[in-house]
Amino acid sequence: MFKAIPLFSGSSGNCVYVKYKDEEILIDAGVSYKRICSALEKVGTSMQNIKAVFVTHEHSDHVQGLGVLSKHTDIPIFINRKSASYYDMPLDELFCGKAKIKDPGDSITFDGFEVDTFATPHDSIGSCGYHFTFSDGTRFALATDMGQITPEIASYLLGCKAVVIESNHDTKMLKNGPYPYILKKRILSDHGHLSNEDCAAFIPKLVDMGAEKIILAHLSKENNTPELCYKTNAEALAEAGFTPNDVRLTIAMQSII
């Protein structure tokens, strides 16, 4: 049995819970350790069951809780080498010695599943997504914090049964909103964040290649709404000939607690 539940999603913090049979992991820990523990309790588990944390990149909304988590647990924390270089400390001390350094292209093997790491284009020192292959052949991937979907990213997402993918902003809302020009330019760039429109142009390909569940994630509070995000993506699926029976399309809320 496989499940993926975004516990927190957006600029205020990110953390996704993934379970396959008896294996439970987290992707990112971008809110306080206490809040993550509370969210895990809400979905019927606890930090004691978590086998690993996979970090996408070093921005605070993805790593805020890692310091306390590393002090209170023995959970290994997988982080890419470039993101690890952000921290001014020896690698063998990073996160109380819990850090495990991996580069995009590396694979990590656990009981019951294998994890592949791939680069994502974002304005950070290092940023990556994760692709999981479980022992029954089920595939799952997460790709957020990216200004575009590169051919490499597409190769990891296509063929997955479930995908968490960024649908950060509505382009018109962003352009007409209160953000300063330089911030708008950064978000709209190829190393910024993926828009509703760009996400919607891609997700019919996911369904065509077998995706049964798509979670739209990392929505902007200021430049998007859950309703608009869902509408834009659902309309693209309908235009491509897909119905709600073909795929379960959901929105990752800012927080489940």
C-alpha atoms as a PDB file:
ATOM      1  CA  MET A   1       0.000   0.000   0.000  1.00  0.00           C
ATOM      2  CA  PHE A   2       1.429   3.368  -1.104  1.00  0.00           C
ATOM      3  CA  LYS A   3       0.399   6.851  -0.005  1.00  0.00           C
ATOM      4  CA  ALA A   4       1.781  10.381  -0.380  1.00  0.00           C
ATOM      5  CA  ILE A   5       0.377  13.154   1.814  1.00  0.00           C
ATOM      6  CA  PRO A   6       1.591  16.770   1.699  1.00  0.00           C
ATOM      7  CA  LEU A   7       1.614  17.832   5.355  1.00  0.00           C
ATOM      8  CA  PHE A   8       2.692  21.385   4.506  1.00  0.00           C
ATOM      9  CA  SER A   9       3.012  23.035   1.107  1.00  0.00           C
ATOM     10  CA  GLY A  10       3.901  26.567   0.004  1.00  0.00           C
ATOM     11  CA  SER A  11       6.256  29.419   0.830  1.00  0.00           C
ATOM     12  CA  SER A  12       5.450  29.075   4.553  1.00  0.00           C
ATOM     13  CA  GLY A  13       6.859  25.545   4.674  1.00  0.00           C
ATOM     14  CA  ASN A  14       6.980  22.212   2.880  1.00  0.00           C
ATOM     15  CA  CYS A  15       6.898  18.608   4.065  1.00  0.00           C
ATOM     16  CA  VAL A  16       5.508  15.542   2.288  1.00  0.00           C
ATOM     17  CA  TYR A  17       4.857  12.217   4.023  1.00  0.00           C
ATOM     18  CA  VAL A  18       5.341   9.066   1.934  1.00  0.00           C
ATOM     19  CA  LYS A  19       4.494   5.521   3.021  1.00  0.00           C
ATOM     20  CA  TYR A  20       4.954   2.212   1.229  1.00  0.00           C
ATOM     21  CA  LYS A  21       3.999  -0.871   3.247  1.00  0.00           C
ATOM     22  CA  ASP A  22       6.007  -0.484   6.489  1.00  0.00           C
ATOM     23  CA  GLU A  23       8.452   2.110   5.125  1.00  0.00           C
ATOM     24  CA  GLU A  24       7.757   5.762   5.975  1.00  0.00           C
ATOM     25  CA  ILE A  25       9.814   8.785   4.908  1.00  0.00           C
ATOM     26  CA  LEU A  26       9.562  12.563   4.643  1.00  0.00           C
ATOM     27  CA  ILE A  27      10.471  14.848   1.778  1.00  0.00           C
ATOM     28  CA  ASP A  28      11.615  18.187   3.257  1.00  0.00           C
ATOM     29  CA  ALA A  29      11.098  19.508   6.771  1.00  0.00           C
ATOM     30  CA  GLY A  30      10.290  23.160   6.194  1.00  0.00           C
ATOM     31  CA  VAL A  31       8.333  23.895   9.364  1.00  0.00           C
ATOM     32  CA  SER A  32       9.151  23.357  13.034  1.00  0.00           C
ATOM     33  CA  TYR A  33       9.872  19.888  14.352  1.00  0.00           C
ATOM     34  CA  LYS A  34       6.896  20.236  16.705  1.00  0.00           C
ATOM     35  CA  ARG A  35       4.487  21.023  13.866  1.00  0.00           C
ATOM     36  CA  ILE A  36       5.753  18.105  11.798  1.00  0.00           C
ATOM     37  CA  CYS A  37       5.227  15.761  14.747  1.00  0.00           C
ATOM     38  CA  SER A  38       1.679  17.077  15.184  1.00  0.00           C
ATOM     39  CA  ALA A  39       0.935  16.625  11.481  1.00  0.00           C
ATOM     40  CA  LEU A  40       2.264  13.067  11.550  1.00  0.00           C
ATOM     41  CA  GLU A  41      -0.012  12.277  14.478  1.00  0.00           C
ATOM     42  CA  LYS A  42      -2.959  13.606  12.468  1.00  0.00           C
ATOM     43  CA  VAL A  43      -2.254  11.112   9.656  1.00  0.00           C
ATOM     44  CA  GLY A  44      -1.893   8.246  12.111  1.00  0.00           C
ATOM     45  CA  THR A  45       1.840   7.881  12.571  1.00  0.00           C
ATOM     46  CA  SER A  46       4.779   9.431  14.433  1.00  0.00           C
ATOM     47  CA  MET A  47       8.349  10.587  13.942  1.00  0.00           C
ATOM     48  CA  GLN A  48       9.524   7.276  15.449  1.00  0.00           C
ATOM     49  CA  ASN A  49       8.353   5.529  12.272  1.00  0.00           C
ATOM     50  CA  ILE A  50      10.196   7.807   9.838  1.00  0.00           C
ATOM     51  CA  LYS A  51      13.172   6.056   8.203  1.00  0.00           C
ATOM     52  CA  ALA A  52      14.663   9.008   6.282  1.00  0.00           C
ATOM     53  CA  VAL A  53      14.240  12.648   5.297  1.00  0.00           C
ATOM     54  CA  PHE A  54      14.969  13.699   1.709  1.00  0.00           C
ATOM     55  CA  VAL A  55      15.769  17.398   1.220  1.00  0.00           C
ATOM     56  CA  THR A  56      14.998  19.099  -2.096  1.00  0.00           C
ATOM     57  CA  HIS A  57      17.123  22.219  -1.441  1.00  0.00           C
ATOM     58  CA  GLU A  58      18.424  24.590   1.205  1.00  0.00           C
ATOM     59  CA  HIS A  59      15.745  27.324   1.229  1.00  0.00           C
ATOM     60  CA  SER A  60      14.246  27.826   4.684  1.00  0.00           C
ATOM     61  CA  ASP A  61      10.736  26.738   3.691  1.00  0.00           C
ATOM     62  CA  HIS A  62      12.212  23.282   3.047  1.00  0.00           C
ATOM     63  CA  VAL A  63      14.752  22.893   5.874  1.00  0.00           C
ATOM     64  CA  GLN A  64      13.504  24.925   8.846  1.00  0.00           C
ATOM     65  CA  GLY A  65      12.823  21.905  11.048  1.00  0.00           C
ATOM     66  CA  LEU A  66      15.933  19.897  10.258  1.00  0.00           C
ATOM     67  CA  GLY A  67      18.140  21.282  13.029  1.00  0.00           C
ATOM     68  CA  VAL A  68      15.824  20.232  15.854  1.00  0.00           C
ATOM     69  CA  LEU A  69      14.868  17.017  14.068  1.00  0.00           C
ATOM     70  CA  SER A  70      18.528  15.996  13.843  1.00  0.00           C
ATOM     71  CA  LYS A  71      19.022  16.661  17.566  1.00  0.00           C
ATOM     72  CA  HIS A  72      16.010  14.622  18.649  1.00  0.00           C
ATOM     73  CA  THR A  73      16.236  11.650  16.282  1.00  0.00           C
ATOM     74  CA  ASP A  74      18.716   9.364  14.521  1.00  0.00           C
ATOM     75  CA  ILE A  75      16.933   9.740  11.176  1.00  0.00           C
ATOM     76  CA  PRO A  76      19.333  10.059   8.201  1.00  0.00           C
ATOM     77  CA  ILE A  77      18.924  13.278   6.230  1.00  0.00           C
ATOM     78  CA  PHE A  78      19.671  13.021   2.518  1.00  0.00           C
ATOM     79  CA  ILE A  79      20.714  16.325   0.931  1.00  0.00           C
ATOM     80  CA  ASN A  80      22.435  17.171  -2.329  1.00  0.00           C
ATOM     81  CA  ARG A  81      26.056  18.317  -2.189  1.00  0.00           C
ATOM     82  CA  LYS A  82      25.412  21.854  -3.475  1.00  0.00           C
ATOM     83  CA  SER A  83      22.682  22.529  -0.914  1.00  0.00           C
ATOM     84  CA  ALA A  84      24.899  21.103   1.827  1.00  0.00           C
ATOM     85  CA  SER A  85      27.597  23.620   0.881  1.00  0.00           C
ATOM     86  CA  TYR A  86      25.245  26.397   2.033  1.00  0.00           C
ATOM     87  CA  TYR A  87      25.943  25.441   5.649  1.00  0.00           C
ATOM     88  CA  ASP A  88      29.181  26.760   7.121  1.00  0.00           C
ATOM     89  CA  MET A  89      30.259  23.534   8.817  1.00  0.00           C
ATOM     90  CA  PRO A  90      32.067  20.305   7.938  1.00  0.00           C
ATOM     91  CA  LEU A  91      29.867  17.751   6.208  1.00  0.00           C
ATOM     92  CA  ASP A  92      30.470  15.181   8.956  1.00  0.00           C
ATOM     93  CA  GLU A  93      28.932  17.643  11.451  1.00  0.00           C
ATOM     94  CA  LEU A  94      26.006  18.782   9.322  1.00  0.00           C
ATOM     95  CA  PHE A  95      22.709  18.085  11.068  1.00  0.00           C
ATOM     96  CA  CYS A  96      24.503  16.494  14.027  1.00  0.00           C
ATOM     97  CA  GLY A  97      26.248  14.050  11.718  1.00  0.00           C
ATOM     98  CA  LYS A  98      22.952  12.785  10.266  1.00  0.00           C
ATOM     99  CA  ALA A  99      23.512  14.276   6.776  1.00  0.00           C
ATOM    100  CA  LYS A 100      23.989  11.870   3.873  1.00  0.00           C
ATOM    101  CA  ILE A 101      25.325  13.643   0.801  1.00  0.00           C
ATOM    102  CA  LYS A 102      23.912  12.673  -2.595  1.00  0.00           C
ATOM    103  CA  ASP A 103      24.237  14.289  -6.012  1.00  0.00           C
ATOM    104  CA  PRO A 104      21.609  14.478  -8.768  1.00  0.00           C
ATOM    105  CA  GLY A 105      21.792  11.205 -10.649  1.00  0.00           C
ATOM    106  CA  ASP A 106      22.568   9.186  -7.516  1.00  0.00           C
ATOM    107  CA  SER A 107      20.342   6.331  -6.358  1.00  0.00           C
ATOM    108  CA  ILE A 108      19.526   5.379  -2.768  1.00  0.00           C
ATOM    109  CA  THR A 109      18.266   1.899  -1.898  1.00  0.00           C
ATOM    110  CA  PHE A 110      16.022   1.057   1.055  1.00  0.00           C
ATOM    111  CA  ASP A 111      14.104  -2.062   1.990  1.00  0.00           C
ATOM    112  CA  GLY A 112      11.167  -2.032  -0.386  1.00  0.00           C
ATOM    113  CA  PHE A 113      12.088   0.901  -2.610  1.00  0.00           C
ATOM    114  CA  GLU A 114      14.772   2.767  -4.529  1.00  0.00           C
ATOM    115  CA  VAL A 115      15.127   6.550  -4.750  1.00  0.00           C
ATOM    116  CA  ASP A 116      16.629   8.416  -7.706  1.00  0.00           C
ATOM    117  CA  THR A 117      17.664  12.061  -7.477  1.00  0.00           C
ATOM    118  CA  PHE A 118      17.319  14.550 -10.344  1.00  0.00           C
ATOM    119  CA  ALA A 119      18.192  18.240 -10.695  1.00  0.00           C
ATOM    120  CA  THR A 120      15.512  20.938 -10.828  1.00  0.00           C
ATOM    121  CA  PRO A 121      16.149  24.472 -12.180  1.00  0.00           C
ATOM    122  CA  HIS A 122      15.605  26.859  -9.259  1.00  0.00           C
ATOM    123  CA  ASP A 123      17.317  29.943  -7.853  1.00  0.00           C
ATOM    124  CA  SER A 124      19.017  28.062  -5.066  1.00  0.00           C
ATOM    125  CA  ILE A 125      22.542  26.744  -4.610  1.00  0.00           C
ATOM    126  CA  GLY A 126      21.270  23.247  -5.353  1.00  0.00           C
ATOM    127  CA  SER A 127      17.775  21.918  -5.994  1.00  0.00           C
ATOM    128  CA  CYS A 128      16.493  18.462  -6.802  1.00  0.00           C
ATOM    129  CA  GLY A 129      13.443  16.264  -7.087  1.00  0.00           C
ATOM    130  CA  TYR A 130      12.949  12.630  -6.136  1.00  0.00           C
ATOM    131  CA  HIS A 131      11.726   9.566  -7.980  1.00  0.00           C
ATOM    132  CA  PHE A 132      10.701   6.441  -6.051  1.00  0.00           C
ATOM    133  CA  THR A 133      10.424   2.913  -7.418  1.00  0.00           C
ATOM    134  CA  PHE A 134       8.720   0.549  -4.990  1.00  0.00           C
ATOM    135  CA  SER A 135       9.176  -3.208  -4.868  1.00  0.00           C
ATOM    136  CA  ASP A 136       5.862  -3.870  -6.642  1.00  0.00           C
ATOM    137  CA  GLY A 137       6.919  -1.648  -9.554  1.00  0.00           C
ATOM    138  CA  THR A 138       4.839   1.378  -8.516  1.00  0.00           C
ATOM    139  CA  ARG A 139       6.569   4.650  -9.287  1.00  0.00           C
ATOM    140  CA  PHE A 140       6.113   8.013  -7.561  1.00  0.00           C
ATOM    141  CA  ALA A 141       7.886  11.342  -8.097  1.00  0.00           C
ATOM    142  CA  LEU A 142       8.023  14.811  -6.592  1.00  0.00           C
ATOM    143  CA  ALA A 143       9.150  17.901  -8.507  1.00  0.00           C
ATOM    144  CA  THR A 144       8.613  21.387  -7.075  1.00  0.00           C
ATOM    145  CA  ASP A 145      10.597  24.640  -6.988  1.00  0.00           C
ATOM    146  CA  MET A 146      11.422  24.697 -10.673  1.00  0.00           C
ATOM    147  CA  GLY A 147      11.059  27.372 -13.308  1.00  0.00           C
ATOM    148  CA  GLN A 148      10.534  24.884 -16.114  1.00  0.00           C
ATOM    149  CA  ILE A 149      10.075  21.193 -16.786  1.00  0.00           C
ATOM    150  CA  THR A 150      13.275  20.054 -18.443  1.00  0.00           C
ATOM    151  CA  PRO A 151      13.467  16.895 -20.567  1.00  0.00           C
ATOM    152  CA  GLU A 152      15.312  15.209 -17.685  1.00  0.00           C
ATOM    153  CA  ILE A 153      12.579  16.087 -15.198  1.00  0.00           C
ATOM    154  CA  ALA A 154       9.920  14.863 -17.634  1.00  0.00           C
ATOM    155  CA  SER A 155      11.741  11.540 -17.988  1.00  0.00           C
ATOM    156  CA  TYR A 156      11.464  10.959 -14.231  1.00  0.00           C
ATOM    157  CA  LEU A 157       7.814  12.038 -13.972  1.00  0.00           C
ATOM    158  CA  LEU A 158       6.353  10.270 -16.998  1.00  0.00           C
ATOM    159  CA  GLY A 159       5.240   6.744 -16.183  1.00  0.00           C
ATOM    160  CA  CYS A 160       4.697   7.411 -12.475  1.00  0.00           C
ATOM    161  CA  LYS A 161       1.463   6.270 -10.862  1.00  0.00           C
ATOM    162  CA  ALA A 162       1.415   9.330  -8.588  1.00  0.00           C
ATOM    163  CA  VAL A 163       3.122  12.713  -8.934  1.00  0.00           C
ATOM    164  CA  VAL A 164       3.494  15.783  -6.716  1.00  0.00           C
ATOM    165  CA  ILE A 165       4.164  18.698  -9.065  1.00  0.00           C
ATOM    166  CA  GLU A 166       4.449  22.439  -8.593  1.00  0.00           C
ATOM    167  CA  SER A 167       1.633  24.726  -9.751  1.00  0.00           C
ATOM    168  CA  ASN A 168       2.830  27.849  -7.980  1.00  0.00           C
ATOM    169  CA  HIS A 169       1.189  30.901  -9.490  1.00  0.00           C
ATOM    170  CA  ASP A 170      -1.277  32.317 -11.971  1.00  0.00           C
ATOM    171  CA  THR A 171       0.778  34.395 -14.402  1.00  0.00           C
ATOM    172  CA  LYS A 172      -1.752  37.245 -14.642  1.00  0.00           C
ATOM    173  CA  MET A 173      -2.136  37.450 -10.867  1.00  0.00           C
ATOM    174  CA  LEU A 174       1.631  37.604 -10.455  1.00  0.00           C
ATOM    175  CA  LYS A 175       2.189  40.218 -13.152  1.00  0.00           C
ATOM    176  CA  ASN A 176      -0.624  42.430 -11.850  1.00  0.00           C
ATOM    177  CA  GLY A 177       0.116  41.842  -8.174  1.00  0.00           C
ATOM    178  CA  PRO A 178       2.018  43.814  -5.533  1.00  0.00           C
ATOM    179  CA  TYR A 179       5.382  42.058  -5.797  1.00  0.00           C
ATOM    180  CA  PRO A 180       8.333  44.267  -6.851  1.00  0.00           C
ATOM    181  CA  TYR A 181       9.456  43.851 -10.463  1.00  0.00           C
ATOM    182  CA  ILE A 182      12.695  42.061  -9.582  1.00  0.00           C
ATOM    183  CA  LEU A 183      10.788  39.412  -7.584  1.00  0.00           C
ATOM    184  CA  LYS A 184       8.234  38.936 -10.354  1.00  0.00           C
ATOM    185  CA  LYS A 185      11.074  38.510 -12.835  1.00  0.00           C
ATOM    186  CA  ARG A 186      12.735  35.915 -10.603  1.00  0.00           C
ATOM    187  CA  ILE A 187       9.549  33.857 -10.147  1.00  0.00           C
ATOM    188  CA  LEU A 188       8.753  33.970 -13.872  1.00  0.00           C
ATOM    189  CA  SER A 189      12.262  32.953 -14.922  1.00  0.00           C
ATOM    190  CA  ASP A 190      13.378  29.492 -16.005  1.00  0.00           C
ATOM    191  CA  HIS A 191      14.913  29.131 -12.521  1.00  0.00           C
ATOM    192  CA  GLY A 192      11.886  30.421 -10.604  1.00  0.00           C
ATOM    193  CA  HIS A 193       8.585  28.672  -9.970  1.00  0.00           C
ATOM    194  CA  LEU A 194       6.258  26.743 -12.277  1.00  0.00           C
ATOM    195  CA  SER A 195       3.016  28.521 -13.202  1.00  0.00           C
ATOM    196  CA  ASN A 196      -0.467  27.042 -13.323  1.00  0.00           C
ATOM    197  CA  GLU A 197      -0.356  27.407 -17.088  1.00  0.00           C
ATOM    198  CA  ASP A 198       2.940  25.560 -17.532  1.00  0.00           C
ATOM    199  CA  CYS A 199       1.873  22.817 -15.150  1.00  0.00           C
ATOM    200  CA  ALA A 200      -1.449  22.445 -16.979  1.00  0.00           C
ATOM    201  CA  ALA A 201       0.345  22.114 -20.308  1.00  0.00           C
ATOM    202  CA  PHE A 202       2.311  19.143 -18.974  1.00  0.00           C
ATOM    203  CA  ILE A 203      -0.028  17.089 -16.794  1.00  0.00           C
ATOM    204  CA  PRO A 204      -2.083  15.567 -19.645  1.00  0.00           C
ATOM    205  CA  LYS A 205       1.162  13.816 -20.643  1.00  0.00           C
ATOM    206  CA  LEU A 206       1.378  12.367 -17.123  1.00  0.00           C
ATOM    207  CA  VAL A 207      -2.107  10.883 -17.383  1.00  0.00           C
ATOM    208  CA  ASP A 208      -1.436   9.617 -20.885  1.00  0.00           C
ATOM    209  CA  MET A 209       1.567   7.753 -19.437  1.00  0.00           C
ATOM    210  CA  GLY A 210      -0.383   6.174 -16.584  1.00  0.00           C
ATOM    211  CA  ALA A 211      -0.624   8.716 -13.744  1.00  0.00           C
ATOM    212  CA  GLU A 212      -3.626   7.965 -11.545  1.00  0.00           C
ATOM    213  CA  LYS A 213      -3.042  10.673  -8.930  1.00  0.00           C
ATOM    214  CA  ILE A 214      -1.630  14.194  -9.396  1.00  0.00           C
ATOM    215  CA  ILE A 215      -1.108  16.525  -6.437  1.00  0.00           C
ATOM    216  CA  LEU A 216      -0.681  20.213  -7.333  1.00  0.00           C
ATOM    217  CA  ALA A 217       1.738  21.704  -4.816  1.00  0.00           C
ATOM    218  CA  HIS A 218       3.643  24.761  -3.604  1.00  0.00           C
ATOM    219  CA  LEU A 219       0.799  27.208  -4.337  1.00  0.00           C
ATOM    220  CA  SER A 220       1.560  30.889  -3.743  1.00  0.00           C
ATOM    221  CA  LYS A 221      -0.648  32.592  -1.151  1.00  0.00           C
ATOM    222  CA  GLU A 222      -0.422  35.926  -2.965  1.00  0.00           C
ATOM    223  CA  ASN A 223      -0.449  34.905  -6.627  1.00  0.00           C
ATOM    224  CA  ASN A 224      -2.732  31.883  -6.752  1.00  0.00           C
ATOM    225  CA  THR A 225      -5.819  30.342  -5.221  1.00  0.00           C
ATOM    226  CA  PRO A 226      -6.653  26.657  -4.810  1.00  0.00           C
ATOM    227  CA  GLU A 227      -9.786  27.189  -6.919  1.00  0.00           C
ATOM    228  CA  LEU A 228      -7.929  28.848  -9.801  1.00  0.00           C
ATOM    229  CA  CYS A 229      -5.105  26.332  -9.686  1.00  0.00           C
ATOM    230  CA  TYR A 230      -7.506  23.407  -9.817  1.00  0.00           C
ATOM    231  CA  LYS A 231      -9.640  24.988 -12.558  1.00  0.00           C
ATOM    232  CA  THR A 232      -6.667  25.707 -14.840  1.00  0.00           C
ATOM    233  CA  ASN A 233      -5.275  22.199 -14.539  1.00  0.00           C
ATOM    234  CA  ALA A 234      -8.629  20.400 -14.646  1.00  0.00           C
ATOM    235  CA  GLU A 235      -9.612  22.260 -17.811  1.00  0.00           C
ATOM    236  CA  ALA A 236      -6.357  21.214 -19.486  1.00  0.00           C
ATOM    237  CA  LEU A 237      -7.085  17.581 -18.652  1.00  0.00           C
ATOM    238  CA  ALA A 238     -10.643  17.887 -19.962  1.00  0.00           C
ATOM    239  CA  GLU A 239      -9.435  19.503 -23.191  1.00  0.00           C
ATOM    240  CA  ALA A 240      -7.071  16.559 -23.635  1.00  0.00           C
ATOM    241  CA  GLY A 241     -10.036  14.184 -23.344  1.00  0.00           C
ATOM    242  CA  PHE A 242      -9.530  12.982 -19.769  1.00  0.00           C
ATOM    243  CA  THR A 243     -12.317  12.710 -17.190  1.00  0.00           C
ATOM    244  CA  PRO A 244     -12.221  12.723 -13.353  1.00  0.00           C
ATOM    245  CA  ASN A 245     -12.446   8.925 -13.567  1.00  0.00           C
ATOM    246  CA  ASP A 246      -9.095   8.824 -15.356  1.00  0.00           C
ATOM    247  CA  VAL A 247      -7.073  10.655 -12.716  1.00  0.00           C
ATOM    248  CA  ARG A 248      -7.480  11.989  -9.188  1.00  0.00           C
ATOM    249  CA  LEU A 249      -6.438  15.656  -9.240  1.00  0.00           C
ATOM    250  CA  THR A 250      -5.957  17.282  -5.813  1.00  0.00           C
ATOM    251  CA  ILE A 251      -4.488  20.424  -4.275  1.00  0.00           C
ATOM    252  CA  ALA A 252      -1.839  20.392  -1.548  1.00  0.00           C
ATOM    253  CA  MET A 253      -3.057  22.801   1.113  1.00  0.00           C
ATOM    254  CA  GLN A 254      -0.721  25.117   3.008  1.00  0.00           C
ATOM    255  CA  SER A 255      -1.121  22.919   6.090  1.00  0.00           C
ATOM    256  CA  ILE A 256      -3.217  19.945   7.173  1.00  0.00           C
ATOM    257  CA  ILE A 257      -3.260  21.200  10.788  1.00  0.00           C
END
